[in-house]
Amino acid sequence: MDSTQLEQTVELHGQNINGLMENQLALTAQVQVLQAALATLLLNHPDRATLLGTFQQYMKICKDSAPRLAGRMEALEGGMLALLGQRQD
């Protein structure tokens, strides 16, 4: 591989990395908006106790299905549990 090909390859990889970073930022923004919308609904829902039980069941399934992500889900789960009325001790 000559230096021109190497430069082109490095430039292409740089563009790909920049595209991935932009996608990650876009996804993060979408998640933040969805979290705010969900929090708004949960705080005004009349039967948060039932939602709490259902949420805990789904979280168990999610963590069992994706054990590598389970640790990252813990803090987010804690925030949702607080919105649903469960105290964190």
Protein backbone atom coordinates (compact mmCIF):
# COMPACT_ATOMS: atom_id res chain seq x y z
CA MET A 1 0.00 0.00 0.00
CA ASP A 2 1.53 3.30 -1.02
CA SER A 3 1.27 6.52 0.98
CA THR A 4 -1.64 7.88 -1.11
CA GLN A 5 -3.72 4.76 -0.49
CA LEU A 6 -2.82 4.88 3.20
CA GLU A 7 -3.89 8.53 3.45
CA GLN A 8 -7.18 7.75 1.70
CA THR A 9 -7.81 4.82 4.01
CA VAL A 10 -7.07 6.92 7.11
CA GLU A 11 -9.36 9.69 5.83
CA LEU A 12 -12.15 7.20 5.12
CA HIS A 13 -11.83 5.70 8.60
CA GLY A 14 -11.88 9.19 10.09
CA GLN A 15 -15.08 10.01 8.23
CA ASN A 16 -16.64 6.75 9.40
CA ILE A 17 -15.71 7.49 13.01
CA ASN A 18 -17.17 11.00 12.75
CA GLY A 19 -20.39 9.54 11.31
CA LEU A 20 -20.62 7.05 14.17
CA MET A 21 -20.12 9.83 16.71
CA GLU A 22 -22.88 11.89 15.10
CA ASN A 23 -25.21 8.88 15.19
CA GLN A 24 -24.39 8.30 18.85
CA LEU A 25 -25.19 11.92 19.70
CA ALA A 26 -28.47 11.74 17.77
CA LEU A 27 -29.47 8.55 19.59
CA THR A 28 -28.56 10.06 22.95
CA ALA A 29 -30.73 13.10 22.21
CA GLN A 30 -33.64 10.86 21.21
CA VAL A 31 -33.31 8.83 24.40
CA GLN A 32 -33.28 12.02 26.51
CA VAL A 33 -36.48 13.27 24.87
CA LEU A 34 -38.16 9.89 25.33
CA GLN A 35 -37.11 9.77 28.98
CA ALA A 36 -38.59 13.21 29.61
CA ALA A 37 -41.85 12.22 27.91
CA LEU A 38 -42.03 8.96 29.84
CA ALA A 39 -41.32 10.69 33.14
CA THR A 40 -44.12 13.14 32.44
CA LEU A 41 -46.56 10.30 31.82
CA LEU A 42 -45.43 8.26 34.82
CA LEU A 43 -45.68 11.14 37.23
CA ASN A 44 -49.30 11.68 36.23
CA HIS A 45 -50.42 8.04 35.92
CA PRO A 46 -53.15 7.04 38.41
CA ASP A 47 -51.91 3.44 38.94
CA ARG A 48 -48.17 3.70 39.39
CA ALA A 49 -48.12 0.65 41.69
CA THR A 50 -49.22 -1.66 38.88
CA LEU A 51 -46.79 -0.01 36.48
CA LEU A 52 -44.00 -0.55 39.01
CA GLY A 53 -44.58 -4.30 39.09
CA THR A 54 -44.77 -4.57 35.32
CA PHE A 55 -41.66 -2.44 34.89
CA GLN A 56 -39.69 -4.62 37.30
CA GLN A 57 -40.72 -7.75 35.40
CA TYR A 58 -39.63 -6.25 32.08
CA MET A 59 -36.35 -5.03 33.55
CA LYS A 60 -35.57 -8.53 34.79
CA ILE A 61 -36.21 -9.92 31.30
CA CYS A 62 -34.06 -7.19 29.75
CA LYS A 63 -31.15 -7.75 32.12
CA ASP A 64 -31.33 -11.51 31.74
CA SER A 65 -31.41 -11.14 27.95
CA ALA A 66 -28.49 -8.72 27.81
CA PRO A 67 -26.21 -9.47 30.78
CA ARG A 68 -23.37 -7.37 29.33
CA LEU A 69 -25.65 -4.31 29.45
CA ALA A 70 -27.23 -5.11 32.81
CA GLY A 71 -24.74 -3.04 34.79
CA ARG A 72 -25.36 -0.01 32.59
CA MET A 73 -29.11 -0.43 33.05
CA GLU A 74 -28.93 -0.26 36.85
CA ALA A 75 -28.73 3.53 37.23
CA LEU A 76 -31.43 4.12 34.63
CA GLU A 77 -33.61 1.52 36.29
CA GLY A 78 -33.12 3.27 39.63
CA GLY A 79 -34.34 6.53 38.17
CA MET A 80 -37.43 4.89 36.72
CA LEU A 81 -38.17 3.09 39.99
CA ALA A 82 -38.00 6.42 41.80
CA LEU A 83 -40.47 7.94 39.35
CA LEU A 84 -42.79 4.99 39.94
CA GLY A 85 -42.66 5.57 43.70
CA GLN A 86 -40.21 2.94 44.94
CA ARG A 87 -37.69 4.25 47.41
CA GLN A 88 -34.05 3.41 46.87
CA ASP A 89 -32.31 2.46 50.11
